[in-house]
């Protein structure tokens, strides 16, 4: 794993070697890795060099530190292809995981000028504000806030929004969801977001805004989500 005559920095060689062990399954998710001292003795390198490699892997989401216990291989990230329009619940079921929701808030608010413009309704009209933590196998993946016109989706209840809103809209109301636009940005978790997602304040997150539309072209929703960057990644296929 380590070639001391290579022009590549030793910390980088160690980092890549551990990453390869994880990707090949030689180190399994949840498994504790050797200590800094053990790595240093194994390859006759300094603990500072080992620490730099481990820190990089923690920052990249390959490893996770547990206070008083050690450093462990992180749970594999969920990969979502940025093509096709599916709900969070559908994504998780397709991966053999159990989707879940913790409902934080469900009420109506008057549409701001910005929301009214994006949703194609009058300023001040009622919209549902739905704030939820989205779970996969009981683990928090994202903090999601959705805005939906009340006139378009009448009869929405707490029970409906505790599951898949898309399923309610399509199966109960008979509406067809056609398309959406998504904007992704990198950011860091603020205090409340970190508490709700069970991560450290300042940890990397992905900010996503999705605007969805019905078959008729009518805007359906605005969804603003904060995804854990250590558990979620997005994949784009491109052709020339």
C-alpha atoms as a PDB file:
ATOM      1  CA  UNK A   1       0.000   0.000   0.000  1.00  0.00           C
ATOM      2  CA  UNK A   2       2.886   2.381   0.774  1.00  0.00           C
ATOM      3  CA  UNK A   3       5.797   3.107  -1.577  1.00  0.00           C
ATOM      4  CA  UNK A   4       8.147   5.529   0.160  1.00  0.00           C
ATOM      5  CA  UNK A   5       9.997   6.174  -3.122  1.00  0.00           C
ATOM      6  CA  UNK A   6       6.841   7.280  -4.913  1.00  0.00           C
ATOM      7  CA  UNK A   7       6.377  10.988  -5.711  1.00  0.00           C
ATOM      8  CA  UNK A   8       2.868  10.669  -4.274  1.00  0.00           C
ATOM      9  CA  UNK A   9       2.567  11.863  -0.641  1.00  0.00           C
ATOM     10  CA  UNK A  10       2.471   8.995   1.845  1.00  0.00           C
ATOM     11  CA  UNK A  11      -0.768  10.220   3.438  1.00  0.00           C
ATOM     12  CA  UNK A  12      -2.397  10.136  -0.011  1.00  0.00           C
ATOM     13  CA  UNK A  13      -1.178   6.586  -0.676  1.00  0.00           C
ATOM     14  CA  UNK A  14      -2.602   5.432   2.658  1.00  0.00           C
ATOM     15  CA  UNK A  15      -5.853   7.267   2.011  1.00  0.00           C
ATOM     16  CA  UNK A  16      -6.268   5.629  -1.406  1.00  0.00           C
ATOM     17  CA  UNK A  17      -5.309   2.227  -0.017  1.00  0.00           C
ATOM     18  CA  UNK A  18      -7.943   2.348   2.737  1.00  0.00           C
ATOM     19  CA  UNK A  19     -10.518   3.636   0.254  1.00  0.00           C
ATOM     20  CA  UNK A  20      -9.751   0.678  -2.046  1.00  0.00           C
ATOM     21  CA  UNK A  21     -10.152  -1.754   0.857  1.00  0.00           C
ATOM     22  CA  UNK A  22     -13.593  -0.286   1.563  1.00  0.00           C
ATOM     23  CA  UNK A  23     -14.662  -0.373  -2.090  1.00  0.00           C
ATOM     24  CA  UNK A  24     -13.514  -3.995  -2.476  1.00  0.00           C
ATOM     25  CA  UNK A  25     -15.356  -5.046   0.686  1.00  0.00           C
ATOM     26  CA  UNK A  26     -12.214  -5.878   2.648  1.00  0.00           C
ATOM     27  CA  UNK A  27     -13.443  -3.353   5.199  1.00  0.00           C
ATOM     28  CA  UNK A  28     -17.199  -3.599   5.753  1.00  0.00           C
ATOM     29  CA  UNK A  29     -19.662  -0.823   6.770  1.00  0.00           C
ATOM     30  CA  UNK A  30     -19.721  -0.582  10.559  1.00  0.00           C
ATOM     31  CA  UNK A  31     -16.342  -2.288  10.963  1.00  0.00           C
ATOM     32  CA  UNK A  32     -13.767  -0.564  13.161  1.00  0.00           C
ATOM     33  CA  UNK A  33     -10.480   0.175  11.386  1.00  0.00           C
ATOM     34  CA  UNK A  34      -7.034  -0.079  13.042  1.00  0.00           C
ATOM     35  CA  UNK A  35      -5.964   2.785  15.276  1.00  0.00           C
ATOM     36  CA  UNK A  36      -3.599   5.539  14.145  1.00  0.00           C
ATOM     37  CA  UNK A  37      -0.823   3.863  16.134  1.00  0.00           C
ATOM     38  CA  UNK A  38      -1.447   0.502  14.461  1.00  0.00           C
ATOM     39  CA  UNK A  39      -1.376   2.005  10.951  1.00  0.00           C
ATOM     40  CA  UNK A  40       1.810   3.924  11.809  1.00  0.00           C
ATOM     41  CA  UNK A  41       3.542   0.779  13.105  1.00  0.00           C
ATOM     42  CA  UNK A  42       2.269  -1.326  10.201  1.00  0.00           C
ATOM     43  CA  UNK A  43       3.845   0.920   7.549  1.00  0.00           C
ATOM     44  CA  UNK A  44       6.560   2.586   9.637  1.00  0.00           C
ATOM     45  CA  UNK A  45       5.170   6.069   9.072  1.00  0.00           C
ATOM     46  CA  UNK A  46       4.294   8.904  11.443  1.00  0.00           C
ATOM     47  CA  UNK A  47       0.971   9.100  13.266  1.00  0.00           C
ATOM     48  CA  UNK A  48       0.569  12.643  11.908  1.00  0.00           C
ATOM     49  CA  UNK A  49       0.671  11.219   8.371  1.00  0.00           C
ATOM     50  CA  UNK A  50      -1.914   8.591   9.309  1.00  0.00           C
ATOM     51  CA  UNK A  51      -4.122  11.230  10.942  1.00  0.00           C
ATOM     52  CA  UNK A  52      -4.141  13.320   7.761  1.00  0.00           C
ATOM     53  CA  UNK A  53      -5.249  10.334   5.672  1.00  0.00           C
ATOM     54  CA  UNK A  54      -7.958   9.367   8.174  1.00  0.00           C
ATOM     55  CA  UNK A  55      -9.217  12.958   8.419  1.00  0.00           C
ATOM     56  CA  UNK A  56      -9.582  13.146   4.643  1.00  0.00           C
ATOM     57  CA  UNK A  57     -11.555   9.892   4.566  1.00  0.00           C
ATOM     58  CA  UNK A  58     -13.823  11.114   7.371  1.00  0.00           C
ATOM     59  CA  UNK A  59     -14.426  14.373   5.511  1.00  0.00           C
ATOM     60  CA  UNK A  60     -15.211  12.435   2.321  1.00  0.00           C
ATOM     61  CA  UNK A  61     -17.743  10.244   4.139  1.00  0.00           C
ATOM     62  CA  UNK A  62     -15.829   6.941   3.910  1.00  0.00           C
ATOM     63  CA  UNK A  63     -15.120   6.773   7.641  1.00  0.00           C
ATOM     64  CA  UNK A  64     -16.878   8.007  10.768  1.00  0.00           C
ATOM     65  CA  UNK A  65     -15.433   8.677  14.213  1.00  0.00           C
ATOM     66  CA  UNK A  66     -17.304   7.617  17.333  1.00  0.00           C
ATOM     67  CA  UNK A  67     -16.196   9.372  20.494  1.00  0.00           C
ATOM     68  CA  UNK A  68     -14.551   6.981  22.945  1.00  0.00           C
ATOM     69  CA  UNK A  69     -14.877   4.018  20.580  1.00  0.00           C
ATOM     70  CA  UNK A  70     -12.722   4.523  17.497  1.00  0.00           C
ATOM     71  CA  UNK A  71     -13.046   5.056  13.763  1.00  0.00           C
ATOM     72  CA  UNK A  72     -15.447   2.957  11.702  1.00  0.00           C
ATOM     73  CA  UNK A  73     -16.295   2.382   8.051  1.00  0.00           C
ATOM     74  CA  UNK A  74     -19.294   4.570   7.237  1.00  0.00           C
ATOM     75  CA  UNK A  75     -22.615   3.274   5.951  1.00  0.00           C
ATOM     76  CA  UNK A  76     -22.571   3.206   2.164  1.00  0.00           C
ATOM     77  CA  UNK A  77     -24.078   6.289   0.551  1.00  0.00           C
ATOM     78  CA  UNK A  78     -27.412   6.025  -1.228  1.00  0.00           C
ATOM     79  CA  UNK A  79     -26.958   6.880  -4.896  1.00  0.00           C
ATOM     80  CA  UNK A  80     -29.762   8.554  -6.805  1.00  0.00           C
ATOM     81  CA  UNK A  81     -29.602   8.982 -10.564  1.00  0.00           C
ATOM     82  CA  UNK A  82     -30.702  12.429 -11.681  1.00  0.00           C
ATOM     83  CA  UNK A  83     -33.090  11.160 -14.303  1.00  0.00           C
ATOM     84  CA  UNK A  84     -36.735  10.242 -14.003  1.00  0.00           C
ATOM     85  CA  UNK A  85     -39.126  11.753 -11.486  1.00  0.00           C
ATOM     86  CA  UNK A  86     -39.678   9.648  -8.382  1.00  0.00           C
ATOM     87  CA  UNK A  87     -40.616  10.333  -4.785  1.00  0.00           C
ATOM     88  CA  UNK A  88     -38.311   9.738  -1.836  1.00  0.00           C
ATOM     89  CA  UNK A  89     -40.453   6.773  -0.765  1.00  0.00           C
ATOM     90  CA  UNK A  90     -40.235   5.194  -4.226  1.00  0.00           C
ATOM     91  CA  UNK A  91     -36.448   5.676  -4.270  1.00  0.00           C
ATOM     92  CA  UNK A  92     -35.991   3.945  -0.923  1.00  0.00           C
ATOM     93  CA  UNK A  93     -38.302   1.026  -1.749  1.00  0.00           C
ATOM     94  CA  UNK A  94     -36.433   0.492  -5.038  1.00  0.00           C
ATOM     95  CA  UNK A  95     -33.263   0.021  -2.964  1.00  0.00           C
ATOM     96  CA  UNK A  96     -34.883  -2.460  -0.613  1.00  0.00           C
ATOM     97  CA  UNK A  97     -35.016   0.068   2.224  1.00  0.00           C
ATOM     98  CA  UNK A  98     -37.994   1.045   4.359  1.00  0.00           C
ATOM     99  CA  UNK A  99     -38.971   4.712   3.890  1.00  0.00           C
ATOM    100  CA  UNK A 100     -40.197   6.673   6.879  1.00  0.00           C
ATOM    101  CA  UNK A 101     -41.270  10.163   7.859  1.00  0.00           C
ATOM    102  CA  UNK A 102     -41.160  12.249  11.003  1.00  0.00           C
ATOM    103  CA  UNK A 103     -43.678  15.071  10.574  1.00  0.00           C
ATOM    104  CA  UNK A 104     -42.425  18.309  12.117  1.00  0.00           C
ATOM    105  CA  UNK A 105     -45.042  20.794  10.886  1.00  0.00           C
ATOM    106  CA  UNK A 106     -48.220  20.780   8.771  1.00  0.00           C
ATOM    107  CA  UNK A 107     -50.273  23.956   8.364  1.00  0.00           C
ATOM    108  CA  UNK A 108     -51.396  26.551   5.839  1.00  0.00           C
ATOM    109  CA  UNK A 109     -49.716  29.890   5.173  1.00  0.00           C
ATOM    110  CA  UNK A 110     -50.459  32.737   2.726  1.00  0.00           C
ATOM    111  CA  UNK A 111     -48.381  32.504  -0.437  1.00  0.00           C
ATOM    112  CA  UNK A 112     -45.521  35.008  -0.576  1.00  0.00           C
ATOM    113  CA  UNK A 113     -44.974  36.865  -3.871  1.00  0.00           C
ATOM    114  CA  UNK A 114     -42.143  34.450  -4.729  1.00  0.00           C
ATOM    115  CA  UNK A 115     -44.162  31.310  -3.923  1.00  0.00           C
ATOM    116  CA  UNK A 116     -47.248  32.673  -5.705  1.00  0.00           C
ATOM    117  CA  UNK A 117     -45.199  33.296  -8.857  1.00  0.00           C
ATOM    118  CA  UNK A 118     -43.610  29.842  -8.795  1.00  0.00           C
ATOM    119  CA  UNK A 119     -46.892  28.049  -8.037  1.00  0.00           C
ATOM    120  CA  UNK A 120     -49.008  29.993 -10.503  1.00  0.00           C
ATOM    121  CA  UNK A 121     -51.477  31.240  -7.861  1.00  0.00           C
ATOM    122  CA  UNK A 122     -52.484  34.601  -6.432  1.00  0.00           C
ATOM    123  CA  UNK A 123     -50.390  36.295  -3.782  1.00  0.00           C
ATOM    124  CA  UNK A 124     -51.815  35.524  -0.331  1.00  0.00           C
ATOM    125  CA  UNK A 125     -53.644  32.349  -1.427  1.00  0.00           C
ATOM    126  CA  UNK A 126     -53.385  29.441   1.015  1.00  0.00           C
ATOM    127  CA  UNK A 127     -50.597  26.921   0.558  1.00  0.00           C
ATOM    128  CA  UNK A 128     -49.746  23.911   2.681  1.00  0.00           C
ATOM    129  CA  UNK A 129     -46.376  24.130   4.422  1.00  0.00           C
ATOM    130  CA  UNK A 130     -45.162  20.612   5.195  1.00  0.00           C
ATOM    131  CA  UNK A 131     -41.908  20.062   7.062  1.00  0.00           C
ATOM    132  CA  UNK A 132     -40.661  16.496   7.424  1.00  0.00           C
ATOM    133  CA  UNK A 133     -37.582  14.438   8.219  1.00  0.00           C
ATOM    134  CA  UNK A 134     -37.257  11.704   5.610  1.00  0.00           C
ATOM    135  CA  UNK A 135     -35.907   8.388   6.908  1.00  0.00           C
ATOM    136  CA  UNK A 136     -34.456   5.246   5.345  1.00  0.00           C
ATOM    137  CA  UNK A 137     -34.431   2.153   7.566  1.00  0.00           C
ATOM    138  CA  UNK A 138     -35.004   4.513  10.484  1.00  0.00           C
ATOM    139  CA  UNK A 139     -31.991   6.735   9.735  1.00  0.00           C
ATOM    140  CA  UNK A 140     -32.486  10.441   8.908  1.00  0.00           C
ATOM    141  CA  UNK A 141     -31.540  11.232   5.320  1.00  0.00           C
ATOM    142  CA  UNK A 142     -33.055  14.623   4.619  1.00  0.00           C
ATOM    143  CA  UNK A 143     -34.925  17.561   6.096  1.00  0.00           C
ATOM    144  CA  UNK A 144     -37.664  18.503   3.648  1.00  0.00           C
ATOM    145  CA  UNK A 145     -40.036  21.495   3.467  1.00  0.00           C
ATOM    146  CA  UNK A 146     -42.784  21.415   0.813  1.00  0.00           C
ATOM    147  CA  UNK A 147     -45.226  24.071  -0.331  1.00  0.00           C
ATOM    148  CA  UNK A 148     -48.390  22.923  -2.164  1.00  0.00           C
ATOM    149  CA  UNK A 149     -51.434  25.020  -3.205  1.00  0.00           C
ATOM    150  CA  UNK A 150     -54.443  24.115  -1.036  1.00  0.00           C
ATOM    151  CA  UNK A 151     -56.803  24.684  -3.981  1.00  0.00           C
ATOM    152  CA  UNK A 152     -54.939  22.102  -6.067  1.00  0.00           C
ATOM    153  CA  UNK A 153     -54.719  19.369  -3.441  1.00  0.00           C
ATOM    154  CA  UNK A 154     -57.835  19.611  -1.255  1.00  0.00           C
ATOM    155  CA  UNK A 155     -58.298  17.320   1.708  1.00  0.00           C
ATOM    156  CA  UNK A 156     -54.632  16.806   2.498  1.00  0.00           C
ATOM    157  CA  UNK A 157     -54.243  15.530   6.069  1.00  0.00           C
ATOM    158  CA  UNK A 158     -51.444  14.751   8.518  1.00  0.00           C
ATOM    159  CA  UNK A 159     -51.950  11.071   7.742  1.00  0.00           C
ATOM    160  CA  UNK A 160     -51.395  11.704   4.017  1.00  0.00           C
ATOM    161  CA  UNK A 161     -48.228  13.740   4.498  1.00  0.00           C
ATOM    162  CA  UNK A 162     -46.780  11.168   6.898  1.00  0.00           C
ATOM    163  CA  UNK A 163     -46.370   8.934   3.837  1.00  0.00           C
ATOM    164  CA  UNK A 164     -45.839   9.692   0.160  1.00  0.00           C
ATOM    165  CA  UNK A 165     -47.588  12.864  -0.996  1.00  0.00           C
ATOM    166  CA  UNK A 166     -47.069  11.807  -4.618  1.00  0.00           C
ATOM    167  CA  UNK A 167     -48.994   8.588  -4.008  1.00  0.00           C
ATOM    168  CA  UNK A 168     -51.907  10.542  -2.485  1.00  0.00           C
ATOM    169  CA  UNK A 169     -51.973  13.026  -5.372  1.00  0.00           C
ATOM    170  CA  UNK A 170     -51.874  10.361  -8.075  1.00  0.00           C
ATOM    171  CA  UNK A 171     -53.875   7.536  -6.485  1.00  0.00           C
ATOM    172  CA  UNK A 172     -56.500   9.483  -4.516  1.00  0.00           C
ATOM    173  CA  UNK A 173     -56.905  12.669  -6.548  1.00  0.00           C
ATOM    174  CA  UNK A 174     -56.205  11.141  -9.956  1.00  0.00           C
ATOM    175  CA  UNK A 175     -53.717  13.836 -10.965  1.00  0.00           C
ATOM    176  CA  UNK A 176     -50.697  13.046 -13.140  1.00  0.00           C
ATOM    177  CA  UNK A 177     -47.299  14.412 -12.160  1.00  0.00           C
ATOM    178  CA  UNK A 178     -45.330  15.063 -15.351  1.00  0.00           C
ATOM    179  CA  UNK A 179     -42.012  16.760 -14.682  1.00  0.00           C
ATOM    180  CA  UNK A 180     -39.803  18.697 -12.306  1.00  0.00           C
ATOM    181  CA  UNK A 181     -36.753  20.918 -12.228  1.00  0.00           C
ATOM    182  CA  UNK A 182     -34.087  20.516  -9.537  1.00  0.00           C
ATOM    183  CA  UNK A 183     -31.300  22.798  -8.404  1.00  0.00           C
ATOM    184  CA  UNK A 184     -28.470  21.366  -6.246  1.00  0.00           C
ATOM    185  CA  UNK A 185     -26.061  23.334  -4.100  1.00  0.00           C
ATOM    186  CA  UNK A 186     -23.362  22.393  -1.616  1.00  0.00           C
ATOM    187  CA  UNK A 187     -23.607  23.844   1.884  1.00  0.00           C
ATOM    188  CA  UNK A 188     -22.986  23.096   5.559  1.00  0.00           C
ATOM    189  CA  UNK A 189     -25.511  22.164   8.235  1.00  0.00           C
ATOM    190  CA  UNK A 190     -26.810  24.911  10.476  1.00  0.00           C
ATOM    191  CA  UNK A 191     -27.497  24.185  14.134  1.00  0.00           C
ATOM    192  CA  UNK A 192     -31.161  23.122  13.856  1.00  0.00           C
ATOM    193  CA  UNK A 193     -30.555  21.152  10.659  1.00  0.00           C
ATOM    194  CA  UNK A 194     -27.664  19.341  12.328  1.00  0.00           C
ATOM    195  CA  UNK A 195     -29.793  18.436  15.358  1.00  0.00           C
ATOM    196  CA  UNK A 196     -32.650  17.089  13.240  1.00  0.00           C
ATOM    197  CA  UNK A 197     -30.383  15.136  10.891  1.00  0.00           C
ATOM    198  CA  UNK A 198     -28.181  13.844  13.731  1.00  0.00           C
ATOM    199  CA  UNK A 199     -24.970  15.285  12.315  1.00  0.00           C
ATOM    200  CA  UNK A 200     -22.478  17.863  13.528  1.00  0.00           C
ATOM    201  CA  UNK A 201     -23.102  21.546  12.987  1.00  0.00           C
ATOM    202  CA  UNK A 202     -21.051  22.572   9.967  1.00  0.00           C
ATOM    203  CA  UNK A 203     -21.106  19.079   8.414  1.00  0.00           C
ATOM    204  CA  UNK A 204     -21.467  19.034   4.606  1.00  0.00           C
ATOM    205  CA  UNK A 205     -25.006  18.878   3.224  1.00  0.00           C
ATOM    206  CA  UNK A 206     -26.691  19.084  -0.171  1.00  0.00           C
ATOM    207  CA  UNK A 207     -29.364  21.746  -0.685  1.00  0.00           C
ATOM    208  CA  UNK A 208     -31.967  20.804  -3.274  1.00  0.00           C
ATOM    209  CA  UNK A 209     -34.963  22.745  -4.560  1.00  0.00           C
ATOM    210  CA  UNK A 210     -37.461  20.846  -6.666  1.00  0.00           C
ATOM    211  CA  UNK A 211     -40.343  22.483  -8.550  1.00  0.00           C
ATOM    212  CA  UNK A 212     -42.833  19.867  -9.792  1.00  0.00           C
ATOM    213  CA  UNK A 213     -45.524  20.189 -12.471  1.00  0.00           C
ATOM    214  CA  UNK A 214     -48.687  18.317 -13.399  1.00  0.00           C
ATOM    215  CA  UNK A 215     -49.463  16.903 -16.861  1.00  0.00           C
ATOM    216  CA  UNK A 216     -51.441  20.092 -17.555  1.00  0.00           C
ATOM    217  CA  UNK A 217     -48.372  22.233 -16.891  1.00  0.00           C
ATOM    218  CA  UNK A 218     -49.820  23.522 -13.620  1.00  0.00           C
ATOM    219  CA  UNK A 219     -47.125  23.958 -10.920  1.00  0.00           C
ATOM    220  CA  UNK A 220     -47.722  21.413  -8.142  1.00  0.00           C
ATOM    221  CA  UNK A 221     -45.151  22.053  -5.439  1.00  0.00           C
ATOM    222  CA  UNK A 222     -41.962  23.669  -4.285  1.00  0.00           C
ATOM    223  CA  UNK A 223     -39.781  21.376  -2.179  1.00  0.00           C
ATOM    224  CA  UNK A 224     -36.674  22.589  -0.378  1.00  0.00           C
ATOM    225  CA  UNK A 225     -34.538  19.780   1.056  1.00  0.00           C
ATOM    226  CA  UNK A 226     -31.352  19.461   3.069  1.00  0.00           C
ATOM    227  CA  UNK A 227     -29.693  16.083   2.429  1.00  0.00           C
ATOM    228  CA  UNK A 228     -26.923  14.523   4.501  1.00  0.00           C
ATOM    229  CA  UNK A 229     -23.858  14.488   2.255  1.00  0.00           C
ATOM    230  CA  UNK A 230     -22.409  11.545   4.202  1.00  0.00           C
ATOM    231  CA  UNK A 231     -25.390   9.323   3.317  1.00  0.00           C
ATOM    232  CA  UNK A 232     -26.562  10.571  -0.056  1.00  0.00           C
ATOM    233  CA  UNK A 233     -24.985  11.240  -3.435  1.00  0.00           C
ATOM    234  CA  UNK A 234     -26.402  12.057  -6.852  1.00  0.00           C
ATOM    235  CA  UNK A 235     -25.268  10.547 -10.145  1.00  0.00           C
ATOM    236  CA  UNK A 236     -25.702  12.140 -13.577  1.00  0.00           C
ATOM    237  CA  UNK A 237     -25.400  10.251 -16.872  1.00  0.00           C
ATOM    238  CA  UNK A 238     -24.331  12.373 -19.823  1.00  0.00           C
ATOM    239  CA  UNK A 239     -23.882  11.614 -23.494  1.00  0.00           C
ATOM    240  CA  UNK A 240     -22.042  13.598 -26.109  1.00  0.00           C
END
